[in-house]
Amino acid sequence: MAACLAAMVVLVFSNVVMRYLFGTGIAEGEELARLCFVWLIFIGATLAVREHGHIGVDMVVRRMSPAVRRVCLLVNHALVLWALWMLGEGSWTMTMIGLDSVLPVTGISTAVFGAAGVFLAVTMSLILIADVWAVLSGRAGTLVDVSASAGHGE
């Protein structure tokens, strides 16, 4: 993620400076920055899932017993795994289609964009399957905890 972010900053900043000072820019910079942006977002989303860092609304969950929380978590993960299956299938199709086409300036295969979706679907699925296993085996004490949030006076 850091490499993608650094590359984006250098590419975009260089292009802005060159266009302002010299009236021209690095044509490849725009395509490479877009590619870095896509991969940065997909890697970041995967990392957030691994760290359980996505935003959650716990208004209802706070009132549930631990057993009901576990059931809801399992249903939630099953639905997310289904969505990831569909995302992965669509991304795989995009990757295969992209093998036959290239970006106009850099010549990089457009399959790299679809591959980001495949990466996301596979890695998030593995993380969620590990979470489900932890819940089913009883090792997921903190996985379903509800933390105090702003606005509750705690």
Protein backbone atom coordinates (compact mmCIF):
# COMPACT_ATOMS: atom_id res chain seq x y z
CA MET A 1 0.00 0.00 0.00
CA ALA A 2 2.81 2.38 0.85
CA ALA A 3 4.52 1.73 -2.48
CA CYS A 4 1.29 2.37 -4.39
CA LEU A 5 0.64 5.57 -2.45
CA ALA A 6 4.22 6.80 -2.93
CA ALA A 7 4.11 6.05 -6.65
CA MET A 8 0.80 7.88 -6.99
CA VAL A 9 2.13 10.95 -5.19
CA VAL A 10 5.28 11.08 -7.30
CA LEU A 11 3.45 10.51 -10.58
CA VAL A 12 0.65 12.99 -9.97
CA PHE A 13 2.90 15.67 -8.46
CA SER A 14 5.41 15.33 -11.29
CA ASN A 15 2.65 15.61 -13.87
CA VAL A 16 1.21 18.73 -12.25
CA VAL A 17 4.61 20.41 -12.05
CA MET A 18 5.55 19.48 -15.60
CA ARG A 19 2.22 20.67 -17.02
CA TYR A 20 2.44 23.94 -15.11
CA LEU A 21 6.09 24.68 -15.87
CA PHE A 22 6.62 23.07 -19.27
CA GLY A 23 3.14 22.69 -20.74
CA THR A 24 3.55 18.94 -21.02
CA GLY A 25 3.32 15.92 -18.76
CA ILE A 26 4.24 12.30 -18.45
CA ALA A 27 1.58 10.45 -20.44
CA GLU A 28 2.30 7.15 -18.70
CA GLY A 29 1.89 8.79 -15.31
CA GLU A 30 -1.88 9.00 -15.49
CA GLU A 31 -2.34 5.33 -16.34
CA LEU A 32 0.17 4.18 -13.75
CA ALA A 33 -1.39 6.38 -11.05
CA ARG A 34 -4.84 4.95 -11.86
CA LEU A 35 -3.46 1.41 -11.63
CA CYS A 36 -1.78 2.18 -8.31
CA PHE A 37 -5.01 3.73 -7.01
CA VAL A 38 -7.08 0.65 -7.82
CA TRP A 39 -4.59 -1.70 -6.17
CA LEU A 40 -4.18 0.63 -3.17
CA ILE A 41 -7.94 0.60 -2.53
CA PHE A 42 -8.28 -3.17 -2.90
CA ILE A 43 -5.25 -3.95 -0.72
CA GLY A 44 -6.47 -1.43 1.87
CA ALA A 45 -9.95 -2.95 1.95
CA THR A 46 -8.43 -6.39 2.47
CA LEU A 47 -6.26 -5.10 5.29
CA ALA A 48 -9.29 -3.45 6.94
CA VAL A 49 -11.14 -6.79 6.85
CA ARG A 50 -8.14 -8.54 8.41
CA GLU A 51 -7.95 -5.99 11.22
CA HIS A 52 -11.76 -5.85 11.64
CA GLY A 53 -11.45 -2.13 10.95
CA HIS A 54 -14.55 -1.46 8.87
CA ILE A 55 -17.16 0.89 10.23
CA GLY A 56 -19.99 -0.87 11.98
CA VAL A 57 -23.27 0.22 13.48
CA ASP A 58 -23.70 -1.62 16.75
CA MET A 59 -26.99 -0.10 17.90
CA VAL A 60 -28.78 -3.45 17.57
CA VAL A 61 -25.80 -5.70 18.29
CA ARG A 62 -25.29 -4.12 21.72
CA ARG A 63 -28.67 -5.50 22.80
CA MET A 64 -27.98 -9.07 21.66
CA SER A 65 -26.72 -11.93 23.74
CA PRO A 66 -23.28 -13.34 22.83
CA ALA A 67 -24.89 -16.41 21.24
CA VAL A 68 -27.14 -14.29 19.00
CA ARG A 69 -24.14 -12.12 18.09
CA ARG A 70 -22.29 -15.22 16.92
CA VAL A 71 -25.23 -16.38 14.81
CA CYS A 72 -25.56 -12.92 13.25
CA LEU A 73 -21.83 -12.86 12.57
CA LEU A 74 -22.03 -16.23 10.82
CA VAL A 75 -24.98 -15.08 8.70
CA ASN A 76 -23.14 -11.85 7.91
CA HIS A 77 -19.99 -13.71 6.87
CA ALA A 78 -21.99 -16.13 4.74
CA LEU A 79 -23.59 -13.21 2.87
CA VAL A 80 -20.25 -11.46 2.43
CA LEU A 81 -18.65 -14.68 1.17
CA TRP A 82 -21.47 -15.00 -1.37
CA ALA A 83 -20.87 -11.40 -2.51
CA LEU A 84 -17.14 -12.06 -2.71
CA TRP A 85 -17.82 -15.14 -4.83
CA MET A 86 -19.78 -13.01 -7.29
CA LEU A 87 -17.12 -10.29 -7.23
CA GLY A 88 -14.37 -12.85 -7.78
CA GLU A 89 -16.23 -14.50 -10.63
CA GLY A 90 -16.83 -11.15 -12.35
CA SER A 91 -13.26 -10.03 -11.75
CA TRP A 92 -11.92 -13.29 -13.17
CA THR A 93 -14.03 -12.73 -16.30
CA MET A 94 -12.70 -9.16 -16.56
CA THR A 95 -9.14 -10.45 -16.14
CA MET A 96 -9.57 -13.02 -18.91
CA ILE A 97 -11.12 -10.43 -21.24
CA GLY A 98 -8.37 -7.96 -20.34
CA LEU A 99 -5.63 -10.35 -21.41
CA ASP A 100 -6.39 -9.45 -25.01
CA SER A 101 -6.26 -5.66 -24.57
CA VAL A 102 -3.69 -3.18 -23.34
CA LEU A 103 -3.73 0.32 -21.92
CA PRO A 104 -3.18 2.83 -24.75
CA VAL A 105 -0.08 4.62 -23.45
CA THR A 106 1.84 2.13 -21.30
CA GLY A 107 0.87 -1.05 -23.11
CA ILE A 108 0.16 -2.78 -19.80
CA SER A 109 -2.52 -5.46 -20.02
CA THR A 110 -5.90 -4.29 -18.75
CA ALA A 111 -6.10 -7.63 -16.97
CA VAL A 112 -4.22 -6.05 -14.05
CA PHE A 113 -7.39 -4.17 -13.08
CA GLY A 114 -9.47 -7.34 -13.00
CA ALA A 115 -6.68 -9.11 -11.13
CA ALA A 116 -7.09 -6.61 -8.29
CA GLY A 117 -10.68 -7.81 -7.86
CA VAL A 118 -9.58 -11.45 -7.93
CA PHE A 119 -6.94 -10.66 -5.29
CA LEU A 120 -9.54 -8.93 -3.12
CA ALA A 121 -12.10 -11.72 -3.44
CA VAL A 122 -9.62 -14.51 -2.68
CA THR A 123 -7.82 -12.84 0.24
CA MET A 124 -11.00 -11.52 1.89
CA SER A 125 -12.64 -14.93 1.49
CA LEU A 126 -9.71 -16.64 3.20
CA ILE A 127 -9.82 -14.11 6.04
CA LEU A 128 -13.57 -14.54 6.49
CA ILE A 129 -13.34 -18.33 6.36
CA ALA A 130 -10.69 -18.16 9.09
CA ASP A 131 -13.02 -15.92 11.12
CA VAL A 132 -15.92 -18.36 10.67
CA TRP A 133 -13.67 -21.22 11.79
CA ALA A 134 -12.65 -19.20 14.85
CA VAL A 135 -16.31 -18.57 15.74
CA LEU A 136 -17.31 -22.20 15.23
CA SER A 137 -14.35 -23.51 17.24
CA GLY A 138 -14.98 -21.06 20.08
CA ARG A 139 -11.71 -19.15 19.71
CA ALA A 140 -13.30 -15.87 18.59
CA GLY A 141 -13.91 -14.01 21.80
CA THR A 142 -12.92 -10.58 20.49
CA LEU A 143 -14.26 -11.17 17.00
CA VAL A 144 -17.82 -10.36 18.01
CA ASP A 145 -17.17 -7.89 20.83
CA VAL A 146 -18.89 -4.53 20.73
CA SER A 147 -16.70 -1.58 21.58
CA ALA A 148 -17.78 1.67 23.18
CA SER A 149 -18.39 4.37 20.64
CA ALA A 150 -18.75 8.13 20.69
CA GLY A 151 -22.23 9.35 21.50
CA HIS A 152 -23.00 6.66 24.07
CA GLY A 153 -21.40 8.54 26.94
CA GLU A 154 -19.09 5.65 27.78
